[in-house]
Protein backbone atom coordinates (compact mmCIF):
# COMPACT_ATOMS: atom_id res chain seq x y z
CA MET A 1 127.96 128.25 94.91
CA ALA A 2 129.19 131.85 95.12
CA THR A 3 131.68 133.15 92.59
CA PRO A 4 135.02 134.29 93.99
CA ILE A 5 135.49 138.00 94.61
CA GLN A 6 137.12 139.75 91.67
CA TYR A 7 137.92 143.32 90.72
CA TYR A 8 137.73 144.58 87.15
CA GLY A 9 139.51 147.35 85.28
CA THR A 10 139.68 148.34 81.62
CA GLY A 11 142.80 149.87 80.13
CA ARG A 12 143.29 151.36 76.67
CA ARG A 13 146.33 152.65 74.79
CA LYS A 14 146.47 153.44 71.06
CA CYS A 15 144.46 150.54 69.55
CA SER A 16 145.00 148.13 72.45
CA VAL A 17 142.27 147.20 74.91
CA ALA A 18 143.01 145.26 78.11
CA ARG A 19 140.27 143.79 80.29
CA VAL A 20 141.91 142.98 83.63
CA TYR A 21 140.50 140.87 86.46
CA LEU A 22 142.15 140.81 89.89
CA ARG A 23 141.32 137.91 92.20
CA PRO A 24 142.80 137.29 95.64
CA GLY A 25 145.54 134.69 95.20
CA THR A 26 149.24 133.99 95.00
CA GLY A 27 150.39 136.48 92.36
CA THR A 28 150.15 134.53 89.10
CA VAL A 29 149.63 136.59 85.94
CA ARG A 30 147.94 135.13 82.85
CA ILE A 31 147.29 137.01 79.63
CA ASN A 32 144.96 135.49 77.03
CA GLU A 33 145.34 132.16 78.87
CA ARG A 34 149.14 132.32 78.42
CA PRO A 35 151.80 132.73 81.13
CA PHE A 36 153.03 136.27 81.78
CA ASP A 37 156.68 135.55 80.85
CA ASN A 38 155.59 133.82 77.67
CA TYR A 39 153.40 136.74 76.50
CA PHE A 40 155.67 139.68 77.36
CA ARG A 41 159.18 138.43 76.62
CA SER A 42 160.83 141.82 77.18
CA GLU A 43 161.87 142.64 80.74
CA ALA A 44 160.96 146.30 80.19
CA LEU A 45 157.35 145.44 79.27
CA ARG A 46 157.02 143.10 82.26
CA MET A 47 158.27 145.91 84.52
CA ILE A 48 155.68 148.35 83.07
CA VAL A 49 152.85 145.90 83.78
CA GLN A 50 153.96 145.22 87.38
CA GLN A 51 154.52 148.85 88.41
CA PRO A 52 151.05 149.48 89.94
CA LEU A 53 151.23 146.25 91.96
CA GLN A 54 154.70 147.11 93.27
CA LEU A 55 153.71 150.68 94.14
CA THR A 56 150.76 149.50 96.24
CA GLU A 57 152.69 146.55 97.78
CA SER A 58 150.17 144.02 96.45
CA SER A 59 152.44 141.95 94.17
CA GLY A 60 151.78 138.56 95.77
CA LYS A 61 148.22 139.21 96.91
CA PHE A 62 146.33 139.01 93.60
CA ASP A 63 146.08 136.68 90.63
CA VAL A 64 145.86 138.78 87.48
CA HIS A 65 143.87 137.52 84.48
CA ALA A 66 143.80 139.74 81.40
CA ASN A 67 142.22 139.61 77.97
CA ILE A 68 144.14 141.85 75.60
CA SER A 69 143.39 142.64 71.98
CA GLY A 70 144.58 145.06 69.33
CA GLY A 71 147.72 147.09 68.84
CA GLY A 72 151.29 146.05 69.49
CA LEU A 73 153.01 144.64 72.55
CA THR A 74 154.05 148.02 73.97
CA GLY A 75 150.55 149.46 73.69
CA GLN A 76 149.16 146.29 75.25
CA ALA A 77 151.57 146.56 78.19
CA TRP A 78 150.57 150.18 78.88
CA ALA A 79 146.88 149.28 78.52
CA MET A 80 147.29 146.44 81.00
CA ARG A 81 149.04 148.79 83.44
CA LEU A 82 146.07 151.14 83.33
CA GLY A 83 143.63 148.23 83.73
CA ILE A 84 145.48 146.90 86.79
CA SER A 85 145.53 150.40 88.32
CA ARG A 86 141.78 150.83 87.83
CA ALA A 87 141.08 147.38 89.28
CA LEU A 88 143.20 148.22 92.35
CA CYS A 89 141.14 151.39 92.82
CA GLU A 90 138.01 149.25 92.75
CA PHE A 91 139.57 146.99 95.40
CA ASN A 92 140.58 149.83 97.73
CA LEU A 93 139.74 153.47 97.04
CA GLU A 94 142.49 154.63 99.40
CA LEU A 95 145.10 153.42 96.87
CA ARG A 96 143.78 155.93 94.34
CA SER A 97 145.83 158.89 95.60
CA ARG A 98 149.09 156.92 95.44
CA LEU A 99 148.31 155.59 91.96
CA LYS A 100 147.20 159.03 90.76
CA GLN A 101 150.39 160.61 92.08
CA GLY A 102 152.46 158.00 90.23
CA GLY A 103 150.58 158.75 86.99
CA PHE A 104 149.09 155.27 86.65
CA LEU A 105 145.46 156.41 86.27
CA THR A 106 146.05 158.76 83.34
CA ARG A 107 144.79 157.47 80.00
CA ASP A 108 147.25 158.32 77.20
CA ALA A 109 144.82 159.61 74.58
CA ARG A 110 147.33 159.83 71.72
CA ILE A 111 146.21 157.73 68.77
CA LYS A 112 147.27 157.47 65.15
CA GLU A 113 146.21 160.46 63.08
CA ARG A 114 144.03 159.64 60.10
CA LYS A 115 145.25 159.92 56.52
CA LYS A 116 143.80 162.91 54.69
CA TYR A 117 142.62 162.87 51.09
CA GLY A 118 144.95 164.43 48.52
CA GLN A 119 147.98 163.49 50.63
CA PRO A 120 150.08 160.32 50.89
CA GLY A 121 149.81 160.27 54.69
CA ALA A 122 148.43 162.14 57.68
CA ARG A 123 150.75 165.14 57.27
CA LYS A 124 153.05 164.38 54.35
CA ARG A 125 152.31 166.20 51.11
CA PHE A 126 152.95 165.14 47.55
CA GLN A 127 156.02 166.81 46.06
CA TYR A 128 155.26 170.25 44.64
CA SER A 129 156.22 170.77 41.00
CA LYS A 130 156.52 174.37 39.84
CA ARG A 131 156.84 173.50 36.11
């Protein structure tokens, strides 16, 4: 028996990694085997995740299954957005220009700066004492 057609995209943001699978379907979204509304309770985060699907008019055409790990909820939402965008490009390369123009294919490379030795944080210094 043949496996159903699926499209894959990986998204990363800060420490979050999202592995996203798009399968032709009715538009259900499941994250770590949990319903979409149960995982992202904030309306703003749900909107961020659905932006690439709305831009390409494919909201009800795909079932989205994602495995997300690391980071916080906001970083996970942005990582999932990038993963969905990359999977849509794999589905149809003609969507790439629209997604690129919307800024959905740009990986935000900003990560937490490491703590340096001799300092309490990445940039903070210990208080200077003259005497």
